[in-house]
Amino acid sequence: MKTGNSTLRRFLAALRADNRAVTIIEFAFALPLLIMTFVGGMEVVNIVIVNTRVNQIALALADNASRMKQETVSGAPRIREYDVNQAFRAAEIQGGDLGLLQKGRLILSSLETNDSGGQWIHWQRCVGSVKTYKSSFGVQGTGGKTGTSLKGVQFDGNVIKAEKDAAIMLAEVVYDYQPLIVDGVMDKMTVRKTFAMGVRDDRDLTGDGIWNVTPASTKNTC
C-alpha cells in the first residue's frame, strides 16, 4: 500500500508541476471573447461605412434634383417625370450593392411658396419597396396651395423655407441596415439621411410642377 500511495503522490505532484498546457487552456477561455470583439469591430466599421454611403447618396440626389430641367422655347425650364426618375436611377446606381430599392426608400419633395405666401410641398415622388417609410417633411400637399399654416420645414435643427417663385429640393434616403455578421444578435436599424438644396435655375412651378412629356415616364407617386 505504501508503494501504491507513494506512486500516486508522485503522479499528483508531477501533474501539479506540469504547466505545459496552461497557455492553450487560457487561450481557449479567451477565444470566444476575442471572436466577439473582432466580429463587433467589423460590424461597427460596416455601420459607419453604410451611414457614409447613404449620406452621400442623399446629397447627390438633392444636388441632381436641383439641377434637372428641360429647356423650353419660351418660359422657364420645366422638369419631367423622366428627369425625376433619372435622378432616382442615378441614386440606385450609386448605391450599388446596398440594394436601395429593395431595402429602403428614396423620397424627393419640392418645397415651394403657395399663393398666400405660405409654404407647401407642391409635389412628391418616391421609389423603393419599403413603402411604410414616409417623408419626415410631410406628404404631397402639406401646407396647401393656399394658407399660411406651414411656415417651413424642420431641417438639421433649423426651419427652412422656399423663396417666392423658387423651390427647394428635399431629398431623403431611408435604408434598412442588415447586420453584416451578427444577424439575430444585433437589432436591425434604420438609416435615414436628408438633404435640402435650392433649385439652381429658374423653374416652371405652375400646374402640377412636373410634366410627363416625351419621353413619357412612370409617375412614381408616394
Foldseek 3Di string as FASTA:
>chain_A
DVVVVVVVVVVVVVVVVDCPCVVVVVCVVCVVVVVVVVLVVVQVVVVVVVLVLQQVLQVQLQVQVLEDFDDDPDDFTAAALVSNVVSVVVSCVSCPPLRQQAFWKKKKWKWAQAPARAIFTLAMFMGHDPVVDDDPFDFHQVVHNDDHPHRAGDDPNDGDHHDHQWIKMKIKGKGWDAGPPPGVNDDIDIRMYIDIGIRPTGYPCPDSRHHQDVVGDDGGGD
